[in-house]
């Protein structure tokens, strides 16, 4: 395997780790971790929801997720094309949100399926997003029929995951 192949494998893994940090940052409400996926001048376009800076999107989503009881973000298929210190990727995503009970005690489960179309660059040894376009391919709204809920799961540092991977601190 050539040095170039090894470098590309490392780049793919680093980009995958950034995508995973994004999901964890949102789900555990670790704002610094969520900020870290974008370069400081990175931008975001979430059609019909948000357009602006990547950090501004994080601030927007904090408010948008406030009226939810729970949320879970997952990534799936990810196709990454690397060209030196720049890259492009398409990553399939699923997000599930549970609203807080309304005045009648009813809750809605929102399931969105879509894709992140990301442009990346490696600056100062760190891969991060230059621009993200989010495509929401489909969404369903269902009256929530609660099943099992693990009360140990939390949207803050009381979640057990912080015992395994501490709160994010940008190096």
Protein backbone atom coordinates (compact mmCIF):
# COMPACT_ATOMS: atom_id res chain seq x y z
CA UNK A 1 0.00 0.00 0.00
CA UNK A 2 1.43 3.37 -0.99
CA UNK A 3 1.93 6.32 1.34
CA UNK A 4 -0.76 8.15 -0.64
CA UNK A 5 -3.25 5.31 -0.03
CA UNK A 6 -2.48 5.34 3.69
CA UNK A 7 -2.88 9.12 3.82
CA UNK A 8 -6.27 8.80 2.09
CA UNK A 9 -7.41 6.11 4.55
CA UNK A 10 -6.49 8.33 7.48
CA UNK A 11 -8.34 11.25 5.88
CA UNK A 12 -11.47 9.12 5.40
CA UNK A 13 -11.37 8.03 9.04
CA UNK A 14 -10.83 11.58 10.28
CA UNK A 15 -13.81 12.81 8.21
CA UNK A 16 -15.96 9.95 9.51
CA UNK A 17 -14.99 10.89 13.09
CA UNK A 18 -16.04 14.50 12.45
CA UNK A 19 -19.43 13.29 11.17
CA UNK A 20 -19.85 11.18 14.32
CA UNK A 21 -18.85 14.13 16.53
CA UNK A 22 -21.57 16.18 14.88
CA UNK A 23 -24.23 13.63 15.84
CA UNK A 24 -22.92 13.29 19.38
CA UNK A 25 -22.56 17.04 19.78
CA UNK A 26 -26.22 17.58 18.93
CA UNK A 27 -27.63 14.61 20.83
CA UNK A 28 -25.66 15.27 24.02
CA UNK A 29 -26.02 19.07 23.62
CA UNK A 30 -22.24 19.56 23.62
CA UNK A 31 -22.14 22.87 21.77
CA UNK A 32 -18.34 23.04 21.51
CA UNK A 33 -18.28 19.62 19.88
CA UNK A 34 -21.00 20.65 17.43
CA UNK A 35 -19.10 23.87 16.59
CA UNK A 36 -15.90 21.88 15.98
CA UNK A 37 -17.21 20.15 12.87
CA UNK A 38 -17.08 23.42 10.92
CA UNK A 39 -14.13 25.64 10.19
CA UNK A 40 -14.70 29.07 11.72
CA UNK A 41 -15.70 30.45 8.30
CA UNK A 42 -17.76 27.35 7.39
CA UNK A 43 -21.28 27.77 6.06
CA UNK A 44 -24.49 25.76 6.13
CA UNK A 45 -27.57 25.56 3.94
CA UNK A 46 -30.45 23.55 5.40
CA UNK A 47 -33.12 24.14 2.76
CA UNK A 48 -36.29 25.80 4.11
CA UNK A 49 -34.74 25.89 7.61
CA UNK A 50 -31.46 27.77 7.81
CA UNK A 51 -28.79 29.46 5.71
CA UNK A 52 -25.69 31.08 7.20
CA UNK A 53 -22.58 30.18 9.14
CA UNK A 54 -21.96 26.68 10.48
CA UNK A 55 -21.64 28.01 14.03
CA UNK A 56 -24.82 30.01 13.51
CA UNK A 57 -26.57 26.80 12.50
CA UNK A 58 -25.50 25.19 15.76
CA UNK A 59 -26.97 28.14 17.66
CA UNK A 60 -30.17 27.90 15.61
CA UNK A 61 -30.53 24.16 16.20
CA UNK A 62 -30.07 24.64 19.97
CA UNK A 63 -33.22 26.76 19.95
CA UNK A 64 -35.01 24.46 17.49
CA UNK A 65 -34.31 21.38 19.67
CA UNK A 66 -35.25 23.11 22.94
CA UNK A 67 -38.94 22.19 22.63
CA UNK A 68 -38.09 18.52 22.13
CA UNK A 69 -37.91 15.87 24.82
CA UNK A 70 -35.41 13.70 22.97
CA UNK A 71 -33.54 13.58 19.69
CA UNK A 72 -31.27 11.12 17.97
CA UNK A 73 -29.07 11.68 14.91
CA UNK A 74 -27.49 8.84 12.95
CA UNK A 75 -25.31 8.69 9.90
CA UNK A 76 -25.31 5.80 7.45
CA UNK A 77 -23.85 5.45 3.95
CA UNK A 78 -21.08 7.93 3.38
CA UNK A 79 -19.30 8.41 0.08
CA UNK A 80 -16.12 10.49 0.42
CA UNK A 81 -13.95 11.77 -2.42
CA UNK A 82 -10.55 13.08 -1.29
CA UNK A 83 -8.24 15.35 -3.29
CA UNK A 84 -5.21 16.24 -1.20
CA UNK A 85 -6.31 18.54 1.61
CA UNK A 86 -9.84 18.94 0.30
CA UNK A 87 -12.73 16.50 0.10
CA UNK A 88 -16.39 16.13 -0.79
CA UNK A 89 -18.88 13.78 0.80
CA UNK A 90 -22.49 12.66 0.63
CA UNK A 91 -23.70 11.11 3.87
CA UNK A 92 -27.17 9.68 4.46
CA UNK A 93 -28.72 10.70 7.77
CA UNK A 94 -31.72 9.97 9.96
CA UNK A 95 -32.89 12.25 12.72
CA UNK A 96 -35.67 11.40 15.15
CA UNK A 97 -37.20 14.06 17.40
CA UNK A 98 -39.79 13.64 20.14
CA UNK A 99 -41.69 16.79 20.92
CA UNK A 100 -42.59 17.67 24.48
CA UNK A 101 -46.21 16.94 25.45
CA UNK A 102 -48.71 19.54 24.26
CA UNK A 103 -51.56 20.86 26.41
CA UNK A 104 -53.42 17.58 25.94
CA UNK A 105 -50.39 15.44 26.77
CA UNK A 106 -49.90 14.38 23.14
CA UNK A 107 -46.46 14.10 21.64
CA UNK A 108 -45.24 13.86 18.06
CA UNK A 109 -42.39 11.79 16.73
CA UNK A 110 -40.68 13.52 13.80
CA UNK A 111 -38.51 11.30 11.59
CA UNK A 112 -36.41 12.97 8.93
CA UNK A 113 -34.30 11.16 6.36
CA UNK A 114 -31.90 13.02 4.19
CA UNK A 115 -28.33 13.70 3.18
CA UNK A 116 -25.43 15.94 4.10
CA UNK A 117 -23.54 17.19 1.04
CA UNK A 118 -20.30 18.44 2.59
CA UNK A 119 -17.23 20.19 1.25
CA UNK A 120 -14.22 19.70 3.48
CA UNK A 121 -10.73 20.98 3.90
CA UNK A 122 -7.81 20.11 6.11
CA UNK A 123 -6.38 23.21 7.75
CA UNK A 124 -3.68 23.23 10.39
CA UNK A 125 -3.88 19.43 10.54
CA UNK A 126 -7.67 19.35 11.16
CA UNK A 127 -10.43 18.21 8.81
CA UNK A 128 -13.63 20.26 9.10
CA UNK A 129 -16.56 21.36 6.97
CA UNK A 130 -16.23 24.38 4.67
CA UNK A 131 -19.84 24.13 3.48
CA UNK A 132 -22.74 21.80 4.20
CA UNK A 133 -25.90 21.49 2.17
CA UNK A 134 -28.61 19.46 3.89
CA UNK A 135 -31.22 17.77 1.73
CA UNK A 136 -34.29 16.54 3.60
CA UNK A 137 -35.52 13.76 1.32
CA UNK A 138 -38.54 12.77 3.40
CA UNK A 139 -40.14 13.36 6.76
CA UNK A 140 -42.90 11.67 8.71
CA UNK A 141 -44.90 12.99 11.66
CA UNK A 142 -46.50 10.42 13.92
CA UNK A 143 -48.41 10.61 17.14
CA UNK A 144 -45.91 9.27 19.63
CA UNK A 145 -46.77 5.89 21.07
CA UNK A 146 -44.10 5.62 23.74
CA UNK A 147 -42.34 2.35 24.18
CA UNK A 148 -39.26 1.80 26.30
CA UNK A 149 -37.33 4.90 27.31
CA UNK A 150 -34.03 4.56 29.15
CA UNK A 151 -34.07 7.37 31.68
CA UNK A 152 -30.26 7.16 31.99
CA UNK A 153 -30.02 8.68 28.51
CA UNK A 154 -29.65 12.46 28.85
CA UNK A 155 -29.08 15.50 26.64
CA UNK A 156 -26.30 16.84 28.85
CA UNK A 157 -23.12 15.83 30.70
CA UNK A 158 -25.09 13.56 33.04
CA UNK A 159 -25.31 11.07 30.14
CA UNK A 160 -23.08 8.01 30.80
CA UNK A 161 -21.20 8.62 27.55
CA UNK A 162 -19.35 11.50 29.22
CA UNK A 163 -17.75 8.95 31.54
CA UNK A 164 -16.31 7.24 28.46
CA UNK A 165 -15.64 10.26 26.21
CA UNK A 166 -15.40 13.53 28.18
CA UNK A 167 -16.94 16.84 27.14
CA UNK A 168 -15.31 18.12 23.98
CA UNK A 169 -12.44 20.55 24.22
CA UNK A 170 -10.99 21.86 20.99
CA UNK A 171 -7.25 21.10 20.90
